[in-house]
PDB file of all heavy atoms in Angstrom:
ATOM      1  N   HIS A   1       7.882  -3.790   9.289  1.00  0.00           N
ATOM      2  CA  HIS A   1       8.697  -3.626  10.494  1.00  0.00           C
ATOM      3  C   HIS A   1       7.942  -4.092  11.744  1.00  0.00           C
ATOM      4  O   HIS A   1       7.964  -3.446  12.791  1.00  0.00           O
ATOM      5  CB  HIS A   1       9.142  -2.167  10.648  1.00  0.00           C
ATOM      6  CG  HIS A   1      10.061  -1.713   9.567  1.00  0.00           C
ATOM      7  ND1 HIS A   1      10.165  -0.405   9.162  1.00  0.00           N
ATOM      8  CD2 HIS A   1      10.913  -2.404   8.765  1.00  0.00           C
ATOM      9  CE1 HIS A   1      11.041  -0.292   8.193  1.00  0.00           C
ATOM     10  NE2 HIS A   1      11.502  -1.507   7.932  1.00  0.00           N
ATOM     11  N   GLY A   2       7.269  -5.215  11.616  1.00  0.00           N
ATOM     12  CA  GLY A   2       6.556  -5.798  12.737  1.00  0.00           C
ATOM     13  C   GLY A   2       5.158  -5.280  12.950  1.00  0.00           C
ATOM     14  O   GLY A   2       4.439  -5.774  13.824  1.00  0.00           O
ATOM     15  N   ARG A   3       4.739  -4.295  12.159  1.00  0.00           N
ATOM     16  CA  ARG A   3       3.404  -3.710  12.289  1.00  0.00           C
ATOM     17  C   ARG A   3       2.500  -4.247  11.195  1.00  0.00           C
ATOM     18  O   ARG A   3       2.851  -4.228  10.025  1.00  0.00           O
ATOM     19  CB  ARG A   3       3.503  -2.184  12.184  1.00  0.00           C
ATOM     20  CG  ARG A   3       2.165  -1.455  12.255  1.00  0.00           C
ATOM     21  CD  ARG A   3       2.382   0.052  12.297  1.00  0.00           C
ATOM     22  NE  ARG A   3       2.935   0.566  11.063  1.00  0.00           N
ATOM     23  CZ  ARG A   3       2.218   1.170  10.101  1.00  0.00           C
ATOM     24  NH1 ARG A   3       0.906   1.299  10.236  1.00  0.00           N
ATOM     25  NH2 ARG A   3       2.807   1.634   9.020  1.00  0.00           N
ATOM     26  N   ARG A   4       1.329  -4.720  11.560  1.00  0.00           N
ATOM     27  CA  ARG A   4       0.360  -5.222  10.590  1.00  0.00           C
ATOM     28  C   ARG A   4      -0.519  -4.071  10.126  1.00  0.00           C
ATOM     29  O   ARG A   4      -1.073  -3.321  10.922  1.00  0.00           O
ATOM     30  CB  ARG A   4      -0.504  -6.311  11.223  1.00  0.00           C
ATOM     31  CG  ARG A   4      -1.457  -6.965  10.253  1.00  0.00           C
ATOM     32  CD  ARG A   4      -0.721  -7.891   9.300  1.00  0.00           C
ATOM     33  NE  ARG A   4      -0.119  -9.036   9.972  1.00  0.00           N
ATOM     34  CZ  ARG A   4       0.640  -9.938   9.352  1.00  0.00           C
ATOM     35  NH1 ARG A   4       0.903  -9.821   8.063  1.00  0.00           N
ATOM     36  NH2 ARG A   4       1.150 -10.962  10.032  1.00  0.00           N
ATOM     37  N   THR A   5      -0.637  -3.908   8.793  1.00  0.00           N
ATOM     38  CA  THR A   5      -1.390  -2.787   8.249  1.00  0.00           C
ATOM     39  C   THR A   5      -1.804  -3.118   6.822  1.00  0.00           C
ATOM     40  O   THR A   5      -1.339  -4.112   6.243  1.00  0.00           O
ATOM     41  CB  THR A   5      -0.547  -1.498   8.271  1.00  0.00           C
ATOM     42  OG1 THR A   5      -1.310  -0.389   7.764  1.00  0.00           O
ATOM     43  CG2 THR A   5       0.714  -1.644   7.430  1.00  0.00           C
ATOM     44  N   ASP A   6      -2.678  -2.299   6.234  1.00  0.00           N
ATOM     45  CA  ASP A   6      -2.930  -2.406   4.790  1.00  0.00           C
ATOM     46  C   ASP A   6      -2.665  -1.079   4.093  1.00  0.00           C
ATOM     47  O   ASP A   6      -2.994  -0.911   2.917  1.00  0.00           O
ATOM     48  CB  ASP A   6      -4.354  -2.909   4.498  1.00  0.00           C
ATOM     49  CG  ASP A   6      -5.440  -1.962   4.950  1.00  0.00           C
ATOM     50  OD1 ASP A   6      -5.129  -0.911   5.544  1.00  0.00           O
ATOM     51  OD2 ASP A   6      -6.628  -2.263   4.712  1.00  0.00           O
ATOM     52  N   VAL A   7      -2.049  -0.130   4.810  1.00  0.00           N
ATOM     53  CA  VAL A   7      -1.626   1.151   4.236  1.00  0.00           C
ATOM     54  C   VAL A   7      -0.237   1.477   4.777  1.00  0.00           C
ATOM     55  O   VAL A   7      -0.010   1.438   5.980  1.00  0.00           O
ATOM     56  CB  VAL A   7      -2.596   2.294   4.601  1.00  0.00           C
ATOM     57  CG1 VAL A   7      -2.086   3.623   4.030  1.00  0.00           C
ATOM     58  CG2 VAL A   7      -4.000   2.017   4.083  1.00  0.00           C
ATOM     59  N   ILE A   8       0.693   1.817   3.893  1.00  0.00           N
ATOM     60  CA  ILE A   8       2.000   2.302   4.334  1.00  0.00           C
ATOM     61  C   ILE A   8       2.235   3.685   3.761  1.00  0.00           C
ATOM     62  O   ILE A   8       1.704   4.026   2.696  1.00  0.00           O
ATOM     63  CB  ILE A   8       3.150   1.349   3.946  1.00  0.00           C
ATOM     64  CG1 ILE A   8       3.250   1.196   2.425  1.00  0.00           C
ATOM     65  CG2 ILE A   8       3.000   0.005   4.629  1.00  0.00           C
ATOM     66  CD1 ILE A   8       4.509   0.469   1.999  1.00  0.00           C
ATOM     67  N   GLU A   9       3.023   4.486   4.447  1.00  0.00           N
ATOM     68  CA  GLU A   9       3.269   5.861   4.061  1.00  0.00           C
ATOM     69  C   GLU A   9       4.670   5.984   3.458  1.00  0.00           C
ATOM     70  O   GLU A   9       5.649   5.478   4.029  1.00  0.00           O
ATOM     71  CB  GLU A   9       3.157   6.791   5.273  1.00  0.00           C
ATOM     72  CG  GLU A   9       1.832   6.702   6.021  1.00  0.00           C
ATOM     73  CD  GLU A   9       1.750   5.519   6.973  1.00  0.00           C
ATOM     74  OE1 GLU A   9       2.820   5.028   7.405  1.00  0.00           O
ATOM     75  OE2 GLU A   9       0.625   5.078   7.272  1.00  0.00           O
ATOM     76  N   VAL A  10       4.771   6.655   2.306  1.00  0.00           N
ATOM     77  CA  VAL A  10       6.070   6.922   1.702  1.00  0.00           C
ATOM     78  C   VAL A  10       6.150   8.396   1.323  1.00  0.00           C
ATOM     79  O   VAL A  10       5.183   8.982   0.828  1.00  0.00           O
ATOM     80  CB  VAL A  10       6.344   6.038   0.466  1.00  0.00           C
ATOM     81  CG1 VAL A  10       6.649   4.616   0.879  1.00  0.00           C
ATOM     82  CG2 VAL A  10       5.189   6.070  -0.524  1.00  0.00           C
ATOM     83  N   LEU A  11       7.300   8.987   1.577  1.00  0.00           N
ATOM     84  CA  LEU A  11       7.624  10.369   1.212  1.00  0.00           C
ATOM     85  C   LEU A  11       8.647  10.334   0.083  1.00  0.00           C
ATOM     86  O   LEU A  11       9.200   9.277  -0.233  1.00  0.00           O
ATOM     87  CB  LEU A  11       8.184  11.100   2.431  1.00  0.00           C
ATOM     88  CG  LEU A  11       7.305  11.141   3.679  1.00  0.00           C
ATOM     89  CD1 LEU A  11       8.071  11.772   4.843  1.00  0.00           C
ATOM     90  CD2 LEU A  11       6.018  11.884   3.419  1.00  0.00           C
ATOM     91  N   PRO A  12       8.949  11.477  -0.543  1.00  0.00           N
ATOM     92  CA  PRO A  12       9.954  11.488  -1.605  1.00  0.00           C
ATOM     93  C   PRO A  12      11.287  10.897  -1.131  1.00  0.00           C
ATOM     94  O   PRO A  12      11.809  11.277  -0.083  1.00  0.00           O
ATOM     95  CB  PRO A  12      10.072  12.968  -1.950  1.00  0.00           C
ATOM     96  CG  PRO A  12       8.738  13.531  -1.627  1.00  0.00           C
ATOM     97  CD  PRO A  12       8.286  12.790  -0.402  1.00  0.00           C
ATOM     98  N   ALA A  13      11.792   9.949  -1.905  1.00  0.00           N
ATOM     99  CA  ALA A  13      13.031   9.209  -1.628  1.00  0.00           C
ATOM    100  C   ALA A  13      12.901   8.257  -0.453  1.00  0.00           C
ATOM    101  O   ALA A  13      13.898   7.809   0.111  1.00  0.00           O
ATOM    102  CB  ALA A  13      14.228  10.135  -1.446  1.00  0.00           C
ATOM    103  N   SER A  14      11.664   7.904  -0.068  1.00  0.00           N
ATOM    104  CA  SER A  14      11.449   6.850   0.916  1.00  0.00           C
ATOM    105  C   SER A  14      11.529   5.491   0.237  1.00  0.00           C
ATOM    106  O   SER A  14      11.179   5.352  -0.940  1.00  0.00           O
ATOM    107  CB  SER A  14      10.071   6.981   1.573  1.00  0.00           C
ATOM    108  OG  SER A  14       9.982   8.142   2.343  1.00  0.00           O
ATOM    109  N   MET A  15      11.961   4.488   1.007  1.00  0.00           N
ATOM    110  CA  MET A  15      12.073   3.126   0.501  1.00  0.00           C
ATOM    111  C   MET A  15      11.704   2.175   1.630  1.00  0.00           C
ATOM    112  O   MET A  15      12.186   2.330   2.747  1.00  0.00           O
ATOM    113  CB  MET A  15      13.511   2.845   0.036  1.00  0.00           C
ATOM    114  CG  MET A  15      14.006   3.745  -1.083  1.00  0.00           C
ATOM    115  SD  MET A  15      15.819   3.960  -1.115  1.00  0.00           S
ATOM    116  CE  MET A  15      16.042   5.176   0.194  1.00  0.00           C
ATOM    117  N   ILE A  16      10.871   1.201   1.341  1.00  0.00           N
ATOM    118  CA  ILE A  16      10.473   0.239   2.366  1.00  0.00           C
ATOM    119  C   ILE A  16      10.115  -1.083   1.699  1.00  0.00           C
ATOM    120  O   ILE A  16       9.590  -1.099   0.579  1.00  0.00           O
ATOM    121  CB  ILE A  16       9.284   0.770   3.204  1.00  0.00           C
ATOM    122  CG1 ILE A  16       8.951  -0.199   4.351  1.00  0.00           C
ATOM    123  CG2 ILE A  16       8.066   1.035   2.335  1.00  0.00           C
ATOM    124  CD1 ILE A  16       7.955   0.351   5.355  1.00  0.00           C
ATOM    125  N   SER A  17      10.430  -2.179   2.371  1.00  0.00           N
ATOM    126  CA  SER A  17      10.083  -3.515   1.890  1.00  0.00           C
ATOM    127  C   SER A  17       9.166  -4.170   2.915  1.00  0.00           C
ATOM    128  O   SER A  17       9.490  -4.204   4.105  1.00  0.00           O
ATOM    129  CB  SER A  17      11.347  -4.365   1.696  1.00  0.00           C
ATOM    130  OG  SER A  17      12.192  -3.769   0.719  1.00  0.00           O
ATOM    131  N   VAL A  18       8.003  -4.645   2.448  1.00  0.00           N
ATOM    132  CA  VAL A  18       6.997  -5.221   3.345  1.00  0.00           C
ATOM    133  C   VAL A  18       6.574  -6.583   2.824  1.00  0.00           C
ATOM    134  O   VAL A  18       6.674  -6.869   1.622  1.00  0.00           O
ATOM    135  CB  VAL A  18       5.769  -4.290   3.476  1.00  0.00           C
ATOM    136  CG1 VAL A  18       6.182  -2.941   4.057  1.00  0.00           C
ATOM    137  CG2 VAL A  18       5.060  -4.091   2.146  1.00  0.00           C
ATOM    138  N   ASP A  19       6.084  -7.416   3.726  1.00  0.00           N
ATOM    139  CA  ASP A  19       5.734  -8.789   3.378  1.00  0.00           C
ATOM    140  C   ASP A  19       4.231  -9.027   3.460  1.00  0.00           C
ATOM    141  O   ASP A  19       3.529  -8.434   4.279  1.00  0.00           O
ATOM    142  CB  ASP A  19       6.450  -9.769   4.307  1.00  0.00           C
ATOM    143  CG  ASP A  19       7.911  -9.945   3.948  1.00  0.00           C
ATOM    144  OD1 ASP A  19       8.324  -9.474   2.873  1.00  0.00           O
ATOM    145  OD2 ASP A  19       8.649 -10.555   4.750  1.00  0.00           O
ATOM    146  N   MET A  20       3.774  -9.938   2.609  1.00  0.00           N
ATOM    147  CA  MET A  20       2.353 -10.267   2.507  1.00  0.00           C
ATOM    148  C   MET A  20       2.198 -11.743   2.182  1.00  0.00           C
ATOM    149  O   MET A  20       2.994 -12.315   1.422  1.00  0.00           O
ATOM    150  CB  MET A  20       1.720  -9.430   1.385  1.00  0.00           C
ATOM    151  CG  MET A  20       0.330  -9.861   0.948  1.00  0.00           C
ATOM    152  SD  MET A  20      -0.144  -9.102  -0.626  1.00  0.00           S
ATOM    153  CE  MET A  20      -0.338  -7.395  -0.152  1.00  0.00           C
ATOM    154  N   VAL A  21       1.171 -12.357   2.744  1.00  0.00           N
ATOM    155  CA  VAL A  21       0.723 -13.683   2.317  1.00  0.00           C
ATOM    156  C   VAL A  21      -0.731 -13.511   1.871  1.00  0.00           C
ATOM    157  O   VAL A  21      -1.619 -13.370   2.718  1.00  0.00           O
ATOM    158  CB  VAL A  21       0.841 -14.727   3.435  1.00  0.00           C
ATOM    159  CG1 VAL A  21       0.302 -16.078   2.946  1.00  0.00           C
ATOM    160  CG2 VAL A  21       2.294 -14.876   3.885  1.00  0.00           C
ATOM    161  N   PRO A  22      -1.002 -13.465   0.551  1.00  0.00           N
ATOM    162  CA  PRO A  22      -2.370 -13.225   0.085  1.00  0.00           C
ATOM    163  C   PRO A  22      -3.346 -14.263   0.631  1.00  0.00           C
ATOM    164  O   PRO A  22      -3.081 -15.462   0.594  1.00  0.00           O
ATOM    165  CB  PRO A  22      -2.245 -13.322  -1.434  1.00  0.00           C
ATOM    166  CG  PRO A  22      -0.816 -12.990  -1.723  1.00  0.00           C
ATOM    167  CD  PRO A  22      -0.057 -13.560  -0.576  1.00  0.00           C
ATOM    168  N   ARG A  23      -4.484 -13.786   1.144  1.00  0.00           N
ATOM    169  CA  ARG A  23      -5.466 -14.647   1.776  1.00  0.00           C
ATOM    170  C   ARG A  23      -6.785 -14.682   1.028  1.00  0.00           C
ATOM    171  O   ARG A  23      -7.663 -15.470   1.381  1.00  0.00           O
ATOM    172  CB  ARG A  23      -5.728 -14.162   3.204  1.00  0.00           C
ATOM    173  CG  ARG A  23      -6.220 -12.720   3.253  1.00  0.00           C
ATOM    174  CD  ARG A  23      -6.346 -12.179   4.646  1.00  0.00           C
ATOM    175  NE  ARG A  23      -6.801 -10.795   4.624  1.00  0.00           N
ATOM    176  CZ  ARG A  23      -7.085 -10.093   5.713  1.00  0.00           C
ATOM    177  NH1 ARG A  23      -6.951 -10.646   6.900  1.00  0.00           N
ATOM    178  NH2 ARG A  23      -7.493  -8.855   5.606  1.00  0.00           N
ATOM    179  N   SER A  24      -6.946 -13.800   0.015  1.00  0.00           N
ATOM    180  CA  SER A  24      -8.215 -13.710  -0.714  1.00  0.00           C
ATOM    181  C   SER A  24      -7.930 -13.655  -2.207  1.00  0.00           C
ATOM    182  O   SER A  24      -7.261 -12.733  -2.665  1.00  0.00           O
ATOM    183  CB  SER A  24      -8.992 -12.456  -0.302  1.00  0.00           C
ATOM    184  OG  SER A  24      -9.225 -12.432   1.080  1.00  0.00           O
ATOM    185  N   PRO A  25      -8.426 -14.617  -2.988  1.00  0.00           N
ATOM    186  CA  PRO A  25      -8.227 -14.554  -4.439  1.00  0.00           C
ATOM    187  C   PRO A  25      -9.095 -13.468  -5.066  1.00  0.00           C
ATOM    188  O   PRO A  25     -10.126 -13.079  -4.510  1.00  0.00           O
ATOM    189  CB  PRO A  25      -8.648 -15.939  -4.909  1.00  0.00           C
ATOM    190  CG  PRO A  25      -9.616 -16.396  -3.879  1.00  0.00           C
ATOM    191  CD  PRO A  25      -9.171 -15.807  -2.572  1.00  0.00           C
ATOM    192  N   GLY A  26      -8.658 -12.972  -6.214  1.00  0.00           N
ATOM    193  CA  GLY A  26      -9.441 -11.965  -6.931  1.00  0.00           C
ATOM    194  C   GLY A  26      -8.569 -10.913  -7.557  1.00  0.00           C
ATOM    195  O   GLY A  26      -7.334 -10.943  -7.464  1.00  0.00           O
ATOM    196  N   ASP A  27      -9.204  -9.955  -8.230  1.00  0.00           N
ATOM    197  CA  ASP A  27      -8.531  -8.787  -8.800  1.00  0.00           C
ATOM    198  C   ASP A  27      -8.708  -7.632  -7.821  1.00  0.00           C
ATOM    199  O   ASP A  27      -9.837  -7.206  -7.544  1.00  0.00           O
ATOM    200  CB  ASP A  27      -9.122  -8.425 -10.164  1.00  0.00           C
ATOM    201  CG  ASP A  27      -8.789  -9.469 -11.214  1.00  0.00           C
ATOM    202  OD1 ASP A  27      -7.736 -10.122 -11.083  1.00  0.00           O
ATOM    203  OD2 ASP A  27      -9.576  -9.623 -12.163  1.00  0.00           O
ATOM    204  N   TRP A  28      -7.596  -7.105  -7.338  1.00  0.00           N
ATOM    205  CA  TRP A  28      -7.638  -6.148  -6.245  1.00  0.00           C
ATOM    206  C   TRP A  28      -7.009  -4.823  -6.642  1.00  0.00           C
ATOM    207  O   TRP A  28      -6.060  -4.780  -7.437  1.00  0.00           O
ATOM    208  CB  TRP A  28      -6.894  -6.705  -5.026  1.00  0.00           C
ATOM    209  CG  TRP A  28      -7.447  -7.992  -4.524  1.00  0.00           C
ATOM    210  CD1 TRP A  28      -6.917  -9.236  -4.698  1.00  0.00           C
ATOM    211  CD2 TRP A  28      -8.653  -8.167  -3.783  1.00  0.00           C
ATOM    212  NE1 TRP A  28      -7.705 -10.181  -4.101  1.00  0.00           N
ATOM    213  CE2 TRP A  28      -8.787  -9.557  -3.524  1.00  0.00           C
ATOM    214  CE3 TRP A  28      -9.634  -7.301  -3.288  1.00  0.00           C
ATOM    215  CZ2 TRP A  28      -9.848 -10.092  -2.816  1.00  0.00           C
ATOM    216  CZ3 TRP A  28     -10.694  -7.822  -2.576  1.00  0.00           C
ATOM    217  CH2 TRP A  28     -10.795  -9.206  -2.346  1.00  0.00           C
ATOM    218  N   LEU A  29      -7.481  -3.753  -6.035  1.00  0.00           N
ATOM    219  CA  LEU A  29      -6.897  -2.439  -6.254  1.00  0.00           C
ATOM    220  C   LEU A  29      -5.623  -2.269  -5.436  1.00  0.00           C
ATOM    221  O   LEU A  29      -5.527  -2.715  -4.282  1.00  0.00           O
ATOM    222  CB  LEU A  29      -7.881  -1.343  -5.853  1.00  0.00           C
ATOM    223  CG  LEU A  29      -9.007  -1.014  -6.835  1.00  0.00           C
ATOM    224  CD1 LEU A  29      -9.977  -0.021  -6.193  1.00  0.00           C
ATOM    225  CD2 LEU A  29      -8.451  -0.439  -8.129  1.00  0.00           C
ATOM    226  N   LEU A  30      -4.652  -1.598  -6.038  1.00  0.00           N
ATOM    227  CA  LEU A  30      -3.471  -1.065  -5.362  1.00  0.00           C
ATOM    228  C   LEU A  30      -3.422   0.403  -5.745  1.00  0.00           C
ATOM    229  O   LEU A  30      -3.355   0.726  -6.934  1.00  0.00           O
ATOM    230  CB  LEU A  30      -2.197  -1.793  -5.812  1.00  0.00           C
ATOM    231  CG  LEU A  30      -0.866  -1.132  -5.414  1.00  0.00           C
ATOM    232  CD1 LEU A  30      -0.696  -1.111  -3.903  1.00  0.00           C
ATOM    233  CD2 LEU A  30       0.304  -1.846  -6.087  1.00  0.00           C
ATOM    234  N   HIS A  31      -3.465   1.288  -4.769  1.00  0.00           N
ATOM    235  CA  HIS A  31      -3.536   2.708  -5.118  1.00  0.00           C
ATOM    236  C   HIS A  31      -3.021   3.571  -3.986  1.00  0.00           C
ATOM    237  O   HIS A  31      -2.875   3.120  -2.837  1.00  0.00           O
ATOM    238  CB  HIS A  31      -4.983   3.100  -5.450  1.00  0.00           C
ATOM    239  CG  HIS A  31      -5.938   3.006  -4.298  1.00  0.00           C
ATOM    240  ND1 HIS A  31      -6.236   4.064  -3.471  1.00  0.00           N
ATOM    241  CD2 HIS A  31      -6.670   1.956  -3.827  1.00  0.00           C
ATOM    242  CE1 HIS A  31      -7.116   3.683  -2.558  1.00  0.00           C
ATOM    243  NE2 HIS A  31      -7.391   2.399  -2.746  1.00  0.00           N
ATOM    244  N   CYS A  32      -2.744   4.836  -4.320  1.00  0.00           N
ATOM    245  CA  CYS A  32      -2.473   5.843  -3.312  1.00  0.00           C
ATOM    246  C   CYS A  32      -3.807   6.323  -2.757  1.00  0.00           C
ATOM    247  O   CYS A  32      -4.732   6.596  -3.522  1.00  0.00           O
ATOM    248  CB  CYS A  32      -1.687   7.005  -3.907  1.00  0.00           C
ATOM    249  SG  CYS A  32      -1.411   8.339  -2.721  1.00  0.00           S
ATOM    250  N   HIS A  33      -3.895   6.443  -1.429  1.00  0.00           N
ATOM    251  CA  HIS A  33      -5.158   6.810  -0.805  1.00  0.00           C
ATOM    252  C   HIS A  33      -5.320   8.322  -0.635  1.00  0.00           C
ATOM    253  O   HIS A  33      -6.303   8.772  -0.037  1.00  0.00           O
ATOM    254  CB  HIS A  33      -5.312   6.109   0.543  1.00  0.00           C
ATOM    255  CG  HIS A  33      -6.670   5.528   0.765  1.00  0.00           C
ATOM    256  ND1 HIS A  33      -7.810   6.299   0.783  1.00  0.00           N
ATOM    257  CD2 HIS A  33      -7.086   4.244   0.948  1.00  0.00           C
ATOM    258  CE1 HIS A  33      -8.856   5.528   0.990  1.00  0.00           C
ATOM    259  NE2 HIS A  33      -8.450   4.267   1.085  1.00  0.00           N
ATOM    260  N   VAL A  34      -4.379   9.114  -1.115  1.00  0.00           N
ATOM    261  CA  VAL A  34      -4.560  10.567  -1.149  1.00  0.00           C
ATOM    262  C   VAL A  34      -5.620  10.868  -2.205  1.00  0.00           C
ATOM    263  O   VAL A  34      -5.487  10.450  -3.366  1.00  0.00           O
ATOM    264  CB  VAL A  34      -3.241  11.287  -1.478  1.00  0.00           C
ATOM    265  CG1 VAL A  34      -3.462  12.798  -1.608  1.00  0.00           C
ATOM    266  CG2 VAL A  34      -2.187  10.991  -0.404  1.00  0.00           C
ATOM    267  N   ASN A  35      -6.657  11.586  -1.844  1.00  0.00           N
ATOM    268  CA  ASN A  35      -7.813  11.746  -2.729  1.00  0.00           C
ATOM    269  C   ASN A  35      -7.455  12.287  -4.108  1.00  0.00           C
ATOM    270  O   ASN A  35      -7.895  11.751  -5.133  1.00  0.00           O
ATOM    271  CB  ASN A  35      -8.855  12.669  -2.071  1.00  0.00           C
ATOM    272  CG  ASN A  35      -9.567  12.006  -0.906  1.00  0.00           C
ATOM    273  OD1 ASN A  35      -9.513  10.792  -0.741  1.00  0.00           O
ATOM    274  ND2 ASN A  35     -10.214  12.806  -0.075  1.00  0.00           N
ATOM    275  N   ASP A  36      -6.675  13.365  -4.149  1.00  0.00           N
ATOM    276  CA  ASP A  36      -6.314  13.953  -5.443  1.00  0.00           C
ATOM    277  C   ASP A  36      -5.511  12.985  -6.298  1.00  0.00           C
ATOM    278  O   ASP A  36      -5.607  12.999  -7.530  1.00  0.00           O
ATOM    279  CB  ASP A  36      -5.524  15.243  -5.242  1.00  0.00           C
ATOM    280  CG  ASP A  36      -6.371  16.381  -4.707  1.00  0.00           C
ATOM    281  OD1 ASP A  36      -7.611  16.248  -4.715  1.00  0.00           O
ATOM    282  OD2 ASP A  36      -5.806  17.404  -4.284  1.00  0.00           O
ATOM    283  N   HIS A  37      -4.710  12.161  -5.665  1.00  0.00           N
ATOM    284  CA  HIS A  37      -3.889  11.212  -6.401  1.00  0.00           C
ATOM    285  C   HIS A  37      -4.731  10.082  -6.981  1.00  0.00           C
ATOM    286  O   HIS A  37      -4.490   9.627  -8.106  1.00  0.00           O
ATOM    287  CB  HIS A  37      -2.780  10.662  -5.497  1.00  0.00           C
ATOM    288  CG  HIS A  37      -1.844  11.721  -4.992  1.00  0.00           C
ATOM    289  ND1 HIS A  37      -0.816  11.443  -4.113  1.00  0.00           N
ATOM    290  CD2 HIS A  37      -1.775  13.051  -5.236  1.00  0.00           C
ATOM    291  CE1 HIS A  37      -0.160  12.562  -3.842  1.00  0.00           C
ATOM    292  NE2 HIS A  37      -0.725  13.552  -4.518  1.00  0.00           N
ATOM    293  N   MET A  38      -5.723   9.617  -6.218  1.00  0.00           N
ATOM    294  CA  MET A  38      -6.649   8.613  -6.747  1.00  0.00           C
ATOM    295  C   MET A  38      -7.392   9.163  -7.968  1.00  0.00           C
ATOM    296  O   MET A  38      -7.522   8.493  -8.993  1.00  0.00           O
ATOM    297  CB  MET A  38      -7.660   8.201  -5.674  1.00  0.00           C
ATOM    298  CG  MET A  38      -7.127   7.260  -4.627  1.00  0.00           C
ATOM    299  SD  MET A  38      -8.477   6.555  -3.620  1.00  0.00           S
ATOM    300  CE  MET A  38      -8.938   7.972  -2.626  1.00  0.00           C
ATOM    301  N   LEU A  39      -7.880  10.395  -7.839  1.00  0.00           N
ATOM    302  CA  LEU A  39      -8.636  11.020  -8.920  1.00  0.00           C
ATOM    303  C   LEU A  39      -7.806  11.135 -10.189  1.00  0.00           C
ATOM    304  O   LEU A  39      -8.318  10.973 -11.305  1.00  0.00           O
ATOM    305  CB  LEU A  39      -9.112  12.412  -8.473  1.00  0.00           C
ATOM    306  CG  LEU A  39      -9.907  13.232  -9.487  1.00  0.00           C
ATOM    307  CD1 LEU A  39     -11.253  12.564  -9.776  1.00  0.00           C
ATOM    308  CD2 LEU A  39     -10.104  14.662  -8.976  1.00  0.00           C
ATOM    309  N   ALA A  40      -6.497  11.380 -10.027  1.00  0.00           N
ATOM    310  CA  ALA A  40      -5.619  11.578 -11.176  1.00  0.00           C
ATOM    311  C   ALA A  40      -5.032  10.289 -11.725  1.00  0.00           C
ATOM    312  O   ALA A  40      -4.210  10.329 -12.642  1.00  0.00           O
ATOM    313  CB  ALA A  40      -4.491  12.541 -10.794  1.00  0.00           C
TER     314      ALA A  40
END
């Protein structure tokens, strides 16, 4: 929505579509940044 970021927030029943143009090749992590969720 016009904001540049590398983290977006979603709540139950949230929906959002965001755009990206990859600038760095490689194998990258995609994860939830909530600590307990990463651990699990």
